């Protein structure tokens, strides 16, 4: 007879491998965050002074810009308000000549406006197109409503607002486009700031 083995005898599994102890003395810092890749499709335009063109002759690149004055601020320029109330064709002609950069004179624009107003009493159909041009050139917001509706309901206020906006942009409306260009060419260049010896 063979000797009997104890009943609790069974081979024990080998112990699991242990991970090597971590060293707490030599921590490596986390890698620095990487900068996002630069986009080469959206270049910012150079500032107006870098192109040699005055700022008020360059349409801003930002959109939805507010007007410099509200639609109902006609009394802020009393002479223009009175002129527009009595002869809106003159104010419109001056505005249109500046907006068109002198391609058509103030007299032609004003005469067409007066003719349309005399024939069909709806000069606002002609003048509202120039409000759209002003907004397009300077990125202005279409407020308080559509351009045609603004001119149809508040023709005189709209003309006064457009006149003030061009004046705010640096134009002298009374001397026309050519006068503004001559004044620009005769302006003395600004000296660079700094100390001279």
N, C-alpha and C. Protein backbone atom coordinates (compact mmCIF):
# COMPACT_ATOMS: atom_id res chain seq x y z
N UNK A 1 0.85 -1.18 0.00
CA UNK A 1 0.00 0.00 0.00
C UNK A 1 0.89 1.23 0.00
N UNK A 2 0.36 2.23 -0.68
CA UNK A 2 1.12 3.46 -0.76
C UNK A 2 0.69 4.38 0.35
N UNK A 3 1.60 5.18 0.79
CA UNK A 3 1.19 6.12 1.86
C UNK A 3 0.22 7.16 1.31
N UNK A 4 -0.76 7.45 2.06
CA UNK A 4 -1.77 8.43 1.63
C UNK A 4 -1.25 9.85 1.83
N UNK A 5 -1.59 10.71 0.86
CA UNK A 5 -1.18 12.12 0.94
C UNK A 5 -2.20 12.91 1.74
N UNK A 6 -1.78 13.91 2.38
CA UNK A 6 -2.78 14.73 3.09
C UNK A 6 -3.78 15.32 2.11
N UNK A 7 -5.00 15.47 2.63
CA UNK A 7 -6.09 15.94 1.76
C UNK A 7 -5.94 17.41 1.39
N UNK A 8 -5.32 18.22 2.21
CA UNK A 8 -5.21 19.66 1.90
C UNK A 8 -4.01 19.97 1.03
N UNK A 9 -3.41 18.92 0.52
CA UNK A 9 -2.25 19.17 -0.32
C UNK A 9 -2.72 19.55 -1.72
N UNK A 10 -2.31 20.68 -2.17
CA UNK A 10 -2.61 21.14 -3.54
C UNK A 10 -1.52 22.11 -3.94
N UNK A 11 -1.16 22.09 -5.19
CA UNK A 11 -0.08 23.01 -5.60
C UNK A 11 -0.55 24.46 -5.51
N UNK A 12 0.25 25.30 -4.92
CA UNK A 12 -0.09 26.73 -4.77
C UNK A 12 0.33 27.49 -6.02
N UNK A 13 -0.55 28.41 -6.48
CA UNK A 13 -0.16 29.20 -7.67
C UNK A 13 0.98 30.14 -7.33
N UNK A 14 1.78 30.47 -8.33
CA UNK A 14 2.90 31.39 -8.05
C UNK A 14 2.35 32.78 -7.75
N UNK A 15 3.03 33.53 -6.92
CA UNK A 15 2.55 34.90 -6.61
C UNK A 15 2.57 35.78 -7.86
N UNK A 16 1.62 36.73 -7.96
CA UNK A 16 1.60 37.63 -9.14
C UNK A 16 2.83 38.51 -9.16
N UNK A 17 3.28 38.83 -10.37
CA UNK A 17 4.47 39.70 -10.45
C UNK A 17 4.16 41.10 -9.95
N UNK A 18 5.02 41.64 -9.21
CA UNK A 18 4.84 42.98 -8.67
C UNK A 18 5.52 44.01 -9.57
N UNK A 19 4.82 45.17 -9.68
CA UNK A 19 5.40 46.26 -10.47
C UNK A 19 6.59 46.83 -9.74
N UNK A 20 7.57 47.26 -10.48
CA UNK A 20 8.74 47.85 -9.80
C UNK A 20 8.32 49.11 -9.05
N UNK A 21 8.86 49.31 -7.89
CA UNK A 21 8.47 50.51 -7.12
C UNK A 21 8.81 51.78 -7.88
N UNK A 22 7.84 52.72 -7.81
CA UNK A 22 8.05 53.99 -8.51
C UNK A 22 8.97 54.88 -7.69
N UNK A 23 9.77 55.57 -8.40
CA UNK A 23 10.67 56.51 -7.74
C UNK A 23 9.98 57.85 -7.63
N UNK A 24 9.97 58.38 -6.43
CA UNK A 24 9.30 59.66 -6.19
C UNK A 24 10.26 60.83 -6.17
N UNK A 25 11.48 60.53 -6.54
CA UNK A 25 12.49 61.59 -6.47
C UNK A 25 12.75 62.22 -7.83
N UNK A 26 12.41 61.50 -8.88
CA UNK A 26 12.73 62.01 -10.22
C UNK A 26 11.45 62.09 -11.04
N UNK A 27 10.60 63.02 -10.70
CA UNK A 27 9.36 63.21 -11.46
C UNK A 27 9.66 64.02 -12.70
N UNK A 28 9.17 63.59 -13.81
CA UNK A 28 9.31 64.37 -15.04
C UNK A 28 8.11 65.31 -15.16
N UNK A 29 8.36 66.58 -15.42
CA UNK A 29 7.22 67.51 -15.55
C UNK A 29 6.38 67.14 -16.76
N UNK A 30 5.06 67.43 -16.68
CA UNK A 30 4.20 67.13 -17.84
C UNK A 30 4.63 67.95 -19.04
N UNK A 31 4.42 67.44 -20.24
CA UNK A 31 4.84 68.20 -21.43
C UNK A 31 4.03 69.49 -21.55
N UNK A 32 4.67 70.56 -21.99
CA UNK A 32 3.93 71.84 -22.12
C UNK A 32 2.84 71.71 -23.17
N UNK A 33 1.74 72.46 -22.95
CA UNK A 33 0.65 72.40 -23.95
C UNK A 33 1.10 72.97 -25.29
N UNK A 34 0.69 72.33 -26.33
CA UNK A 34 1.08 72.77 -27.67
C UNK A 34 0.14 73.88 -28.13
N UNK A 35 0.74 74.87 -28.79
CA UNK A 35 -0.07 75.96 -29.32
C UNK A 35 -0.92 75.45 -30.47
N UNK A 36 -2.14 75.99 -30.60
CA UNK A 36 -2.98 75.54 -31.72
C UNK A 36 -2.36 75.92 -33.04
N UNK A 37 -2.54 75.11 -34.06
CA UNK A 37 -1.94 75.43 -35.37
C UNK A 37 -2.49 76.74 -35.91
N UNK A 38 -1.61 77.50 -36.49
CA UNK A 38 -2.02 78.78 -37.04
C UNK A 38 -2.75 78.57 -38.35
N UNK A 39 -3.78 79.40 -38.51
CA UNK A 39 -4.54 79.34 -39.75
C UNK A 39 -3.98 80.36 -40.72
N UNK A 40 -3.73 79.92 -41.92
CA UNK A 40 -3.17 80.81 -42.93
C UNK A 40 -4.23 81.31 -43.91
N UNK A 41 -5.49 81.08 -43.55
CA UNK A 41 -6.55 81.48 -44.47
C UNK A 41 -7.23 82.78 -44.05
N UNK A 42 -7.01 83.20 -42.80
CA UNK A 42 -7.70 84.39 -42.31
C UNK A 42 -6.66 85.42 -41.87
N UNK A 43 -6.05 86.07 -42.84
CA UNK A 43 -5.06 87.08 -42.53
C UNK A 43 -5.78 88.38 -42.17
N UNK A 44 -5.29 89.03 -41.13
CA UNK A 44 -5.86 90.33 -40.79
C UNK A 44 -5.34 91.38 -41.77
N UNK A 45 -6.22 92.27 -42.21
CA UNK A 45 -5.77 93.30 -43.15
C UNK A 45 -4.87 94.30 -42.45
N UNK A 46 -3.98 94.94 -43.17
CA UNK A 46 -3.11 95.93 -42.55
C UNK A 46 -3.91 97.13 -42.11
N UNK A 47 -3.45 97.86 -41.09
CA UNK A 47 -4.18 99.06 -40.68
C UNK A 47 -4.19 100.09 -41.78
N UNK A 48 -5.15 101.03 -41.75
CA UNK A 48 -5.26 102.01 -42.85
C UNK A 48 -3.99 102.83 -43.03
N UNK A 49 -3.30 103.18 -41.89
CA UNK A 49 -2.14 104.04 -42.07
C UNK A 49 -1.00 103.32 -42.77
N UNK A 50 -1.01 101.97 -42.76
CA UNK A 50 0.05 101.23 -43.43
C UNK A 50 -0.10 101.27 -44.94
N UNK A 51 -1.29 101.53 -45.42
CA UNK A 51 -1.52 101.58 -46.86
C UNK A 51 -1.35 102.97 -47.43
N UNK A 52 -1.14 103.97 -46.55
CA UNK A 52 -0.99 105.33 -47.03
C UNK A 52 -2.29 106.01 -47.38
N UNK A 53 -3.44 105.43 -46.99
CA UNK A 53 -4.74 106.01 -47.29
C UNK A 53 -5.37 106.45 -45.99
N UNK A 54 -5.93 107.67 -45.91
CA UNK A 54 -6.56 108.10 -44.67
C UNK A 54 -7.66 107.15 -44.24
N UNK A 55 -7.86 107.09 -42.93
CA UNK A 55 -8.80 106.11 -42.37
C UNK A 55 -10.23 106.36 -42.83
N UNK A 56 -10.61 107.64 -43.04
CA UNK A 56 -12.00 107.89 -43.38
C UNK A 56 -12.31 107.60 -44.84
N UNK A 57 -11.31 107.26 -45.64
CA UNK A 57 -11.58 106.87 -47.02
C UNK A 57 -11.56 105.35 -47.19
N UNK A 58 -11.31 104.61 -46.12
CA UNK A 58 -11.23 103.16 -46.19
C UNK A 58 -12.40 102.58 -45.44
N UNK A 59 -13.13 101.69 -46.07
CA UNK A 59 -14.25 101.06 -45.40
C UNK A 59 -13.73 100.14 -44.31
N UNK A 60 -14.27 100.25 -43.11
CA UNK A 60 -13.82 99.36 -42.05
C UNK A 60 -14.12 97.91 -42.38
N UNK A 61 -13.29 97.00 -41.85
CA UNK A 61 -13.48 95.59 -42.13
C UNK A 61 -14.44 94.95 -41.14
N UNK A 62 -14.75 95.65 -40.05
CA UNK A 62 -15.72 95.09 -39.12
C UNK A 62 -17.12 95.33 -39.64
N UNK A 63 -18.02 94.42 -39.30
CA UNK A 63 -19.39 94.52 -39.73
C UNK A 63 -20.26 94.84 -38.55
N UNK A 64 -21.51 95.24 -38.85
CA UNK A 64 -22.48 95.57 -37.82
C UNK A 64 -21.99 96.69 -36.92
N UNK A 65 -21.41 97.72 -37.50
CA UNK A 65 -20.98 98.89 -36.75
C UNK A 65 -22.16 99.82 -36.57
N UNK A 66 -22.23 100.42 -35.40
CA UNK A 66 -23.31 101.35 -35.13
C UNK A 66 -23.07 102.67 -35.84
N UNK A 67 -24.15 103.37 -36.17
CA UNK A 67 -24.05 104.71 -36.74
C UNK A 67 -23.49 105.65 -35.68
N UNK A 68 -22.86 106.71 -36.14
CA UNK A 68 -22.27 107.67 -35.20
C UNK A 68 -23.32 108.50 -34.48
N UNK A 69 -24.52 108.59 -35.04
CA UNK A 69 -25.63 109.32 -34.39
C UNK A 69 -26.93 108.60 -34.71
N UNK A 70 -27.91 108.85 -33.90
CA UNK A 70 -29.19 108.16 -34.09
C UNK A 70 -29.99 108.82 -35.21
N UNK A 71 -31.03 108.14 -35.63
CA UNK A 71 -31.87 108.64 -36.72
C UNK A 71 -32.58 109.93 -36.35
N UNK A 72 -32.89 110.09 -35.09
CA UNK A 72 -33.68 111.25 -34.63
C UNK A 72 -32.81 112.37 -34.07
N UNK A 73 -31.51 112.34 -34.31
CA UNK A 73 -30.62 113.38 -33.77
C UNK A 73 -30.42 114.51 -34.77
N UNK A 74 -31.48 114.90 -35.46
CA UNK A 74 -31.36 115.92 -36.51
C UNK A 74 -30.92 117.27 -35.95
N UNK A 75 -31.36 117.60 -34.74
CA UNK A 75 -31.04 118.92 -34.17
C UNK A 75 -29.60 119.04 -33.73
N UNK A 76 -28.83 117.96 -33.79
CA UNK A 76 -27.41 118.08 -33.45
C UNK A 76 -26.64 118.85 -34.52
N UNK A 77 -27.21 118.98 -35.71
CA UNK A 77 -26.63 119.81 -36.77
C UNK A 77 -27.76 120.65 -37.35
N UNK A 78 -28.01 121.78 -36.70
CA UNK A 78 -29.17 122.61 -37.05
C UNK A 78 -29.09 123.15 -38.48
N UNK A 79 -27.95 123.67 -38.95
CA UNK A 79 -27.91 124.17 -40.34
C UNK A 79 -28.28 123.10 -41.37
N UNK A 80 -27.72 121.91 -41.21
CA UNK A 80 -28.05 120.84 -42.15
C UNK A 80 -29.50 120.41 -42.01
N UNK A 81 -30.02 120.43 -40.80
CA UNK A 81 -31.41 120.05 -40.58
C UNK A 81 -32.35 121.01 -41.32
N UNK A 82 -32.06 122.30 -41.22
CA UNK A 82 -32.91 123.29 -41.91
C UNK A 82 -32.79 123.16 -43.42
N UNK A 83 -31.56 122.99 -43.93
CA UNK A 83 -31.37 122.84 -45.37
C UNK A 83 -32.09 121.61 -45.90
N UNK A 84 -32.00 120.50 -45.17
CA UNK A 84 -32.65 119.27 -45.61
C UNK A 84 -34.16 119.40 -45.56
N UNK A 85 -34.68 120.12 -44.59
CA UNK A 85 -36.13 120.31 -44.47
C UNK A 85 -36.67 121.12 -45.64
N UNK A 86 -35.93 122.15 -46.07
CA UNK A 86 -36.42 123.02 -47.13
C UNK A 86 -36.02 122.50 -48.51
N UNK A 87 -34.81 121.98 -48.66
CA UNK A 87 -34.32 121.51 -49.97
C UNK A 87 -33.61 120.17 -49.81
N UNK A 88 -34.35 119.10 -49.66
CA UNK A 88 -33.68 117.81 -49.48
C UNK A 88 -32.85 117.38 -50.69
N UNK A 89 -33.18 117.91 -51.85
CA UNK A 89 -32.41 117.53 -53.04
C UNK A 89 -30.95 117.98 -52.94
N UNK A 90 -30.70 119.11 -52.24
CA UNK A 90 -29.32 119.59 -52.09
C UNK A 90 -28.54 118.65 -51.18
N UNK A 91 -29.14 118.32 -50.04
CA UNK A 91 -28.46 117.41 -49.11
C UNK A 91 -28.20 116.06 -49.76
N UNK A 92 -29.20 115.54 -50.46
CA UNK A 92 -29.00 114.25 -51.11
C UNK A 92 -27.91 114.33 -52.17
N UNK A 93 -27.88 115.41 -52.97
CA UNK A 93 -26.84 115.55 -53.99
C UNK A 93 -25.45 115.57 -53.38
N UNK A 94 -25.30 116.26 -52.24
CA UNK A 94 -23.99 116.31 -51.58
C UNK A 94 -23.58 114.93 -51.07
N UNK A 95 -24.54 114.22 -50.49
CA UNK A 95 -24.24 112.87 -49.99
C UNK A 95 -23.85 111.95 -51.13
N UNK A 96 -24.64 111.96 -52.20
CA UNK A 96 -24.41 111.03 -53.31
C UNK A 96 -23.08 111.28 -54.00
N UNK A 97 -22.66 112.56 -54.10
CA UNK A 97 -21.37 112.85 -54.73
C UNK A 97 -20.22 112.24 -53.93
N UNK A 98 -20.29 112.33 -52.60
CA UNK A 98 -19.23 111.76 -51.76
C UNK A 98 -19.25 110.23 -51.84
N UNK A 99 -20.44 109.66 -51.78
CA UNK A 99 -20.55 108.19 -51.79
C UNK A 99 -20.05 107.63 -53.12
N UNK A 100 -20.36 108.33 -54.22
CA UNK A 100 -19.92 107.87 -55.54
C UNK A 100 -18.50 108.31 -55.88
N UNK A 101 -17.81 108.96 -54.93
CA UNK A 101 -16.42 109.37 -55.09
C UNK A 101 -16.23 110.28 -56.29
N UNK A 102 -17.20 111.17 -56.48
CA UNK A 102 -17.08 112.20 -57.51
C UNK A 102 -17.36 111.75 -58.91
N UNK A 103 -17.83 110.52 -59.11
CA UNK A 103 -18.12 110.07 -60.47
C UNK A 103 -19.30 110.84 -61.08
N UNK A 104 -20.21 111.27 -60.25
CA UNK A 104 -21.33 112.11 -60.70
C UNK A 104 -21.44 113.30 -59.76
N UNK A 105 -21.72 114.45 -60.30
CA UNK A 105 -21.68 115.67 -59.50
C UNK A 105 -22.90 115.78 -58.59
N UNK A 106 -22.78 116.66 -57.65
CA UNK A 106 -23.88 116.94 -56.71
C UNK A 106 -25.11 117.45 -57.46
N UNK A 107 -24.89 118.30 -58.47
CA UNK A 107 -26.03 118.87 -59.22
C UNK A 107 -26.83 117.81 -59.96
N UNK A 108 -26.14 116.82 -60.54
CA UNK A 108 -26.85 115.77 -61.28
C UNK A 108 -27.68 114.93 -60.32
N UNK A 109 -27.09 114.53 -59.22
CA UNK A 109 -27.83 113.73 -58.24
C UNK A 109 -29.02 114.50 -57.68
N UNK A 110 -28.77 115.76 -57.33
CA UNK A 110 -29.86 116.57 -56.78
C UNK A 110 -30.96 116.81 -57.79
N UNK A 111 -30.58 117.03 -59.06
CA UNK A 111 -31.60 117.23 -60.10
C UNK A 111 -32.45 116.00 -60.33
N UNK A 112 -31.82 114.83 -60.35
CA UNK A 112 -32.59 113.59 -60.51
C UNK A 112 -33.54 113.37 -59.34
N UNK A 113 -33.06 113.67 -58.15
CA UNK A 113 -33.90 113.51 -56.97
C UNK A 113 -35.12 114.44 -57.05
N UNK A 114 -34.87 115.70 -57.42
CA UNK A 114 -35.97 116.67 -57.51
C UNK A 114 -36.96 116.27 -58.61
N UNK A 115 -36.44 115.73 -59.73
CA UNK A 115 -37.33 115.32 -60.82
C UNK A 115 -38.22 114.16 -60.41
N UNK A 116 -37.62 113.16 -59.75
CA UNK A 116 -38.42 112.01 -59.30
C UNK A 116 -39.45 112.45 -58.27
N UNK A 117 -39.05 113.34 -57.39
CA UNK A 117 -39.98 113.83 -56.36
C UNK A 117 -41.12 114.62 -56.99
N UNK A 118 -40.82 115.39 -58.05
CA UNK A 118 -41.87 116.18 -58.69
C UNK A 118 -42.82 115.31 -59.50
N UNK A 119 -42.30 114.25 -60.11
CA UNK A 119 -43.15 113.41 -60.97
C UNK A 119 -43.99 112.41 -60.19
N UNK A 120 -43.36 111.70 -59.30
CA UNK A 120 -44.10 110.63 -58.60
C UNK A 120 -44.08 110.78 -57.08
N UNK A 121 -43.52 111.90 -56.59
CA UNK A 121 -43.48 112.18 -55.15
C UNK A 121 -42.85 111.03 -54.36
N UNK A 122 -41.82 110.46 -54.93
CA UNK A 122 -41.19 109.30 -54.28
C UNK A 122 -39.68 109.33 -54.49
N UNK A 123 -39.07 110.44 -54.11
CA UNK A 123 -37.62 110.53 -54.21
C UNK A 123 -36.90 109.56 -53.28
N UNK A 124 -37.63 109.07 -52.28
CA UNK A 124 -37.02 108.12 -51.33
C UNK A 124 -36.62 106.82 -52.03
N UNK A 125 -37.27 106.50 -53.16
CA UNK A 125 -36.89 105.28 -53.89
C UNK A 125 -35.47 105.41 -54.44
N UNK A 126 -35.05 106.62 -54.75
CA UNK A 126 -33.71 106.87 -55.27
C UNK A 126 -32.72 107.03 -54.13
N UNK A 127 -33.10 107.77 -53.09
CA UNK A 127 -32.17 108.07 -52.01
C UNK A 127 -31.86 106.85 -51.14
N UNK A 128 -32.80 105.91 -51.04
CA UNK A 128 -32.55 104.75 -50.17
C UNK A 128 -31.41 103.89 -50.70
N UNK A 129 -31.17 103.92 -52.00
CA UNK A 129 -30.07 103.11 -52.55
C UNK A 129 -28.71 103.63 -52.06
N UNK A 130 -28.64 104.92 -51.78
CA UNK A 130 -27.38 105.48 -51.30
C UNK A 130 -27.18 105.22 -49.81
N UNK A 131 -28.25 105.03 -49.09
CA UNK A 131 -28.09 104.59 -47.70
C UNK A 131 -27.47 103.19 -47.67
N UNK A 132 -27.91 102.34 -48.60
CA UNK A 132 -27.35 101.00 -48.69
C UNK A 132 -25.87 101.06 -49.06
N UNK A 133 -25.51 101.98 -49.96
CA UNK A 133 -24.10 102.11 -50.35
C UNK A 133 -23.24 102.59 -49.18
N UNK A 134 -23.76 103.52 -48.40
CA UNK A 134 -23.01 104.01 -47.23
C UNK A 134 -22.79 102.87 -46.24
N UNK A 135 -23.83 102.10 -46.01
CA UNK A 135 -23.70 100.99 -45.07
C UNK A 135 -22.69 99.96 -45.58
N UNK A 136 -22.70 99.73 -46.88
CA UNK A 136 -21.77 98.77 -47.46
C UNK A 136 -20.32 99.25 -47.36
N UNK A 137 -20.10 100.54 -47.56
CA UNK A 137 -18.74 101.09 -47.52
C UNK A 137 -18.17 101.09 -46.11
N UNK A 138 -19.01 101.34 -45.10
CA UNK A 138 -18.52 101.50 -43.74
C UNK A 138 -18.99 100.39 -42.81
N UNK A 139 -19.63 99.36 -43.32
CA UNK A 139 -20.03 98.24 -42.48
C UNK A 139 -21.03 98.61 -41.42
N UNK A 140 -21.97 99.50 -41.74
CA UNK A 140 -22.92 100.00 -40.75
C UNK A 140 -24.11 99.05 -40.61
N UNK A 141 -24.69 99.08 -39.44
CA UNK A 141 -25.84 98.23 -39.15
C UNK A 141 -27.09 98.77 -39.84
N UNK A 142 -27.95 97.88 -40.29
CA UNK A 142 -29.21 98.27 -40.94
C UNK A 142 -30.25 98.51 -39.84
N UNK A 143 -30.26 99.73 -39.32
CA UNK A 143 -31.17 100.09 -38.23
C UNK A 143 -31.88 101.40 -38.59
N UNK A 144 -33.03 101.66 -38.00
CA UNK A 144 -33.82 100.79 -37.14
C UNK A 144 -34.61 99.73 -37.90
N UNK A 145 -34.60 99.81 -39.23
CA UNK A 145 -35.27 98.80 -40.05
C UNK A 145 -34.66 98.83 -41.44
N UNK A 146 -35.32 98.24 -42.41
CA UNK A 146 -34.83 98.17 -43.78
C UNK A 146 -34.58 99.57 -44.35
N UNK A 147 -33.56 99.68 -45.22
CA UNK A 147 -33.19 100.99 -45.76
C UNK A 147 -34.35 101.67 -46.49
N UNK A 148 -35.06 100.91 -47.32
CA UNK A 148 -36.18 101.50 -48.05
C UNK A 148 -37.26 101.99 -47.10
N UNK A 149 -37.52 101.23 -46.06
CA UNK A 149 -38.55 101.62 -45.10
C UNK A 149 -38.12 102.84 -44.31
N UNK A 150 -36.86 102.94 -43.98
CA UNK A 150 -36.37 104.12 -43.27
C UNK A 150 -36.58 105.37 -44.10
N UNK A 151 -36.23 105.31 -45.39
CA UNK A 151 -36.40 106.49 -46.25
C UNK A 151 -37.87 106.76 -46.56
N UNK A 152 -38.65 105.73 -46.65
CA UNK A 152 -40.06 105.94 -46.95
C UNK A 152 -40.78 106.62 -45.78
N UNK A 153 -40.46 106.21 -44.57
CA UNK A 153 -41.15 106.76 -43.39
C UNK A 153 -40.48 108.02 -42.85
N UNK A 154 -39.16 108.11 -42.93
CA UNK A 154 -38.42 109.23 -42.32
C UNK A 154 -37.36 109.73 -43.29
N UNK A 155 -37.79 110.19 -44.45
CA UNK A 155 -36.85 110.59 -45.50
C UNK A 155 -35.89 111.67 -45.04
N UNK A 156 -36.42 112.73 -44.44
CA UNK A 156 -35.57 113.86 -44.06
C UNK A 156 -34.61 113.46 -42.93
N UNK A 157 -35.10 112.71 -41.96
CA UNK A 157 -34.23 112.26 -40.87
C UNK A 157 -33.13 111.34 -41.39
N UNK A 158 -33.46 110.49 -42.36
CA UNK A 158 -32.46 109.58 -42.92
C UNK A 158 -31.37 110.36 -43.65
N UNK A 159 -31.75 111.36 -44.42
CA UNK A 159 -30.75 112.16 -45.13
C UNK A 159 -29.85 112.90 -44.14
N UNK A 160 -30.44 113.44 -43.08
CA UNK A 160 -29.62 114.15 -42.07
C UNK A 160 -28.65 113.18 -41.39
N UNK A 161 -29.12 111.99 -41.10
CA UNK A 161 -28.24 111.01 -40.45
C UNK A 161 -27.08 110.61 -41.36
N UNK A 162 -27.35 110.42 -42.63
CA UNK A 162 -26.30 110.05 -43.57
C UNK A 162 -25.30 111.20 -43.75
N UNK A 163 -25.80 112.42 -43.76
CA UNK A 163 -24.93 113.60 -43.86
C UNK A 163 -23.99 113.66 -42.64
N UNK A 164 -24.56 113.45 -41.46
CA UNK A 164 -23.75 113.50 -40.24
C UNK A 164 -22.73 112.35 -40.22
N UNK A 165 -23.11 111.20 -40.75
CA UNK A 165 -22.18 110.06 -40.74
C UNK A 165 -20.97 110.35 -41.62
N UNK A 166 -21.19 110.90 -42.81
CA UNK A 166 -20.05 111.24 -43.67
C UNK A 166 -19.19 112.34 -43.05
N UNK A 167 -19.85 113.26 -42.39
CA UNK A 167 -19.11 114.33 -41.71
C UNK A 167 -18.28 113.74 -40.57
N UNK A 168 -18.84 112.79 -39.87
CA UNK A 168 -18.12 112.11 -38.79
C UNK A 168 -16.92 111.33 -39.33
N UNK A 169 -17.01 110.86 -40.56
CA UNK A 169 -15.90 110.12 -41.17
C UNK A 169 -14.78 111.02 -41.66
N UNK A 170 -14.94 112.34 -41.52
CA UNK A 170 -13.87 113.25 -41.88
C UNK A 170 -14.09 114.04 -43.15
N UNK A 171 -15.25 113.89 -43.79
CA UNK A 171 -15.52 114.62 -45.03
C UNK A 171 -16.09 115.99 -44.73
N UNK A 172 -15.69 116.96 -45.54
CA UNK A 172 -16.35 118.27 -45.55
C UNK A 172 -17.34 118.23 -46.71
N UNK A 173 -18.61 117.98 -46.40
CA UNK A 173 -19.60 117.72 -47.45
C UNK A 173 -19.78 118.93 -48.37
N UNK A 174 -19.60 120.11 -47.83
CA UNK A 174 -19.90 121.32 -48.61
C UNK A 174 -18.92 121.54 -49.76
N UNK A 175 -17.71 120.96 -49.70
CA UNK A 175 -16.73 121.21 -50.77
C UNK A 175 -16.68 120.08 -51.78
N UNK A 176 -17.50 119.05 -51.63
CA UNK A 176 -17.58 117.98 -52.62
C UNK A 176 -16.39 117.03 -52.56
N UNK A 177 -16.41 116.07 -53.45
CA UNK A 177 -15.37 115.03 -53.46
C UNK A 177 -14.01 115.59 -53.86
N UNK A 178 -13.98 116.38 -54.93
CA UNK A 178 -12.69 116.92 -55.40
C UNK A 178 -12.07 117.83 -54.34
N UNK A 179 -12.89 118.62 -53.67
CA UNK A 179 -12.36 119.48 -52.61
C UNK A 179 -11.76 118.68 -51.48
N UNK A 180 -12.39 117.58 -51.15
CA UNK A 180 -11.84 116.73 -50.08
C UNK A 180 -10.52 116.09 -50.51
N UNK A 181 -10.44 115.70 -51.80
CA UNK A 181 -9.19 115.12 -52.28
C UNK A 181 -8.06 116.15 -52.30
N UNK A 182 -8.37 117.37 -52.69
CA UNK A 182 -7.34 118.42 -52.70
C UNK A 182 -6.90 118.74 -51.28
N UNK A 183 -7.85 118.78 -50.37
CA UNK A 183 -7.49 119.06 -48.98
C UNK A 183 -6.62 117.94 -48.42
N UNK A 184 -6.91 116.71 -48.82
CA UNK A 184 -6.10 115.59 -48.35
C UNK A 184 -4.68 115.68 -48.89
N UNK A 185 -4.54 116.07 -50.16
CA UNK A 185 -3.21 116.14 -50.77
C UNK A 185 -2.37 117.27 -50.21
N UNK A 186 -3.03 118.33 -49.72
CA UNK A 186 -2.30 119.48 -49.21
C UNK A 186 -2.09 119.41 -47.70
N UNK A 187 -2.53 118.35 -47.08
CA UNK A 187 -2.29 118.22 -45.64
C UNK A 187 -0.83 117.91 -45.40
N UNK A 188 -0.16 118.64 -44.48
CA UNK A 188 1.26 118.37 -44.22
C UNK A 188 1.43 117.00 -43.57
N UNK A 189 2.49 116.28 -43.94
CA UNK A 189 2.71 114.96 -43.31
C UNK A 189 3.03 115.12 -41.84
N UNK A 190 2.55 114.18 -41.04
CA UNK A 190 2.79 114.23 -39.60
C UNK A 190 4.21 113.75 -39.33
N UNK A 191 4.94 114.52 -38.48
CA UNK A 191 6.30 114.14 -38.12
C UNK A 191 6.28 112.97 -37.17
N UNK A 192 7.20 112.04 -37.31
CA UNK A 192 7.24 110.91 -36.36
C UNK A 192 7.58 111.39 -34.96
N UNK A 193 6.97 110.75 -33.99
CA UNK A 193 7.22 111.14 -32.61
C UNK A 193 8.59 110.63 -32.18
N UNK A 194 9.24 111.40 -31.32
CA UNK A 194 10.55 111.01 -30.82
C UNK A 194 11.37 112.22 -30.48
N UNK A 195 12.53 112.00 -29.95
CA UNK A 195 13.43 113.09 -29.56
C UNK A 195 14.45 113.31 -30.67
N UNK A 196 14.69 114.56 -30.93
CA UNK A 196 15.66 114.92 -31.96
C UNK A 196 16.81 115.68 -31.31
N UNK A 197 17.99 115.51 -31.84
CA UNK A 197 19.16 116.21 -31.32
C UNK A 197 19.62 117.25 -32.32
